[in-house]
């Protein structure tokens, strides 16, 4: 199955997106600063996987810190 990357995916619209993609079998990479909220999402039991990356997407260095540059 395909993979998606969601920034700010711990709460609100981001979390709803994580749930929708994971429920449809996508492997979801979540970039956020709220580890507990993402862990709670992962425990909901989806057919896709949810992987957390501790990232403050408000910082310009965030993509580099996650290995993207």
C-alpha atoms as a PDB file:
ATOM      1  CA  UNK A   1       0.000   0.000   0.000  1.00  0.00           C
ATOM      2  CA  UNK A   2       1.032   3.613  -0.432  1.00  0.00           C
ATOM      3  CA  UNK A   3       2.500   5.859   2.217  1.00  0.00           C
ATOM      4  CA  UNK A   4       1.519   9.395   3.210  1.00  0.00           C
ATOM      5  CA  UNK A   5       3.305  12.053   5.251  1.00  0.00           C
ATOM      6  CA  UNK A   6       1.211  14.302   7.484  1.00  0.00           C
ATOM      7  CA  UNK A   7       2.596  17.296   9.347  1.00  0.00           C
ATOM      8  CA  UNK A   8       0.736  18.440  12.437  1.00  0.00           C
ATOM      9  CA  UNK A   9      -1.081  15.110  12.548  1.00  0.00           C
ATOM     10  CA  UNK A  10      -1.591  14.737  16.302  1.00  0.00           C
ATOM     11  CA  UNK A  11      -4.811  16.733  16.649  1.00  0.00           C
ATOM     12  CA  UNK A  12      -7.604  18.375  14.693  1.00  0.00           C
ATOM     13  CA  UNK A  13      -7.752  18.062  10.917  1.00  0.00           C
ATOM     14  CA  UNK A  14      -4.331  16.418  10.872  1.00  0.00           C
ATOM     15  CA  UNK A  15      -5.472  13.647  13.234  1.00  0.00           C
ATOM     16  CA  UNK A  16      -8.638  13.145  11.191  1.00  0.00           C
ATOM     17  CA  UNK A  17      -6.462  12.751   8.097  1.00  0.00           C
ATOM     18  CA  UNK A  18      -4.219  10.246   9.883  1.00  0.00           C
ATOM     19  CA  UNK A  19      -7.268   8.211  10.926  1.00  0.00           C
ATOM     20  CA  UNK A  20      -8.775   8.236   7.433  1.00  0.00           C
ATOM     21  CA  UNK A  21      -5.596   7.199   5.643  1.00  0.00           C
ATOM     22  CA  UNK A  22      -4.642   4.548   8.228  1.00  0.00           C
ATOM     23  CA  UNK A  23      -8.183   3.125   8.212  1.00  0.00           C
ATOM     24  CA  UNK A  24      -7.843   2.696   4.452  1.00  0.00           C
ATOM     25  CA  UNK A  25      -4.587   0.759   4.758  1.00  0.00           C
ATOM     26  CA  UNK A  26      -2.067   3.512   4.116  1.00  0.00           C
ATOM     27  CA  UNK A  27       1.208   3.633   6.026  1.00  0.00           C
ATOM     28  CA  UNK A  28       1.172   7.071   7.655  1.00  0.00           C
ATOM     29  CA  UNK A  29       4.216   9.056   8.795  1.00  0.00           C
ATOM     30  CA  UNK A  30       3.156  11.705  11.312  1.00  0.00           C
ATOM     31  CA  UNK A  31       5.395  14.707  11.959  1.00  0.00           C
ATOM     32  CA  UNK A  32       4.413  16.511  15.168  1.00  0.00           C
ATOM     33  CA  UNK A  33       5.613  17.519  18.642  1.00  0.00           C
ATOM     34  CA  UNK A  34       2.853  15.675  20.533  1.00  0.00           C
ATOM     35  CA  UNK A  35       4.112  12.109  20.958  1.00  0.00           C
ATOM     36  CA  UNK A  36       1.314  11.023  23.288  1.00  0.00           C
ATOM     37  CA  UNK A  37      -1.468  12.123  20.947  1.00  0.00           C
ATOM     38  CA  UNK A  38       0.119  10.238  18.048  1.00  0.00           C
ATOM     39  CA  UNK A  39       0.614   7.166  20.255  1.00  0.00           C
ATOM     40  CA  UNK A  40      -3.086   7.333  21.109  1.00  0.00           C
ATOM     41  CA  UNK A  41      -3.944   7.448  17.390  1.00  0.00           C
ATOM     42  CA  UNK A  42      -1.751   4.424  16.725  1.00  0.00           C
ATOM     43  CA  UNK A  43      -3.542   2.456  19.461  1.00  0.00           C
ATOM     44  CA  UNK A  44      -6.931   2.880  17.769  1.00  0.00           C
ATOM     45  CA  UNK A  45      -6.268  -0.145  15.561  1.00  0.00           C
ATOM     46  CA  UNK A  46      -6.071   0.650  11.865  1.00  0.00           C
ATOM     47  CA  UNK A  47      -5.233  -1.550   8.907  1.00  0.00           C
ATOM     48  CA  UNK A  48      -2.355   0.783   7.994  1.00  0.00           C
ATOM     49  CA  UNK A  49       0.615   1.672  10.162  1.00  0.00           C
ATOM     50  CA  UNK A  50       1.271   4.967  11.952  1.00  0.00           C
ATOM     51  CA  UNK A  51       4.870   6.049  12.519  1.00  0.00           C
ATOM     52  CA  UNK A  52       5.743   9.087  14.645  1.00  0.00           C
ATOM     53  CA  UNK A  53       8.529  11.581  13.997  1.00  0.00           C
ATOM     54  CA  UNK A  54       9.196  14.098  16.784  1.00  0.00           C
ATOM     55  CA  UNK A  55       9.313  17.280  14.732  1.00  0.00           C
ATOM     56  CA  UNK A  56       8.398  20.910  15.318  1.00  0.00           C
ATOM     57  CA  UNK A  57       7.154  21.742  11.835  1.00  0.00           C
ATOM     58  CA  UNK A  58       7.173  25.425  12.774  1.00  0.00           C
ATOM     59  CA  UNK A  59      10.980  25.369  12.669  1.00  0.00           C
ATOM     60  CA  UNK A  60      12.755  25.788   9.343  1.00  0.00           C
ATOM     61  CA  UNK A  61      15.255  23.073  10.271  1.00  0.00           C
ATOM     62  CA  UNK A  62      12.529  20.433  10.765  1.00  0.00           C
ATOM     63  CA  UNK A  63      12.959  18.702   7.356  1.00  0.00           C
ATOM     64  CA  UNK A  64      16.726  18.550   7.841  1.00  0.00           C
ATOM     65  CA  UNK A  65      16.343  17.237  11.393  1.00  0.00           C
ATOM     66  CA  UNK A  66      14.174  14.396  10.045  1.00  0.00           C
ATOM     67  CA  UNK A  67      16.812  13.395   7.527  1.00  0.00           C
ATOM     68  CA  UNK A  68      15.347  15.221   4.575  1.00  0.00           C
ATOM     69  CA  UNK A  69      18.271  17.394   3.701  1.00  0.00           C
END
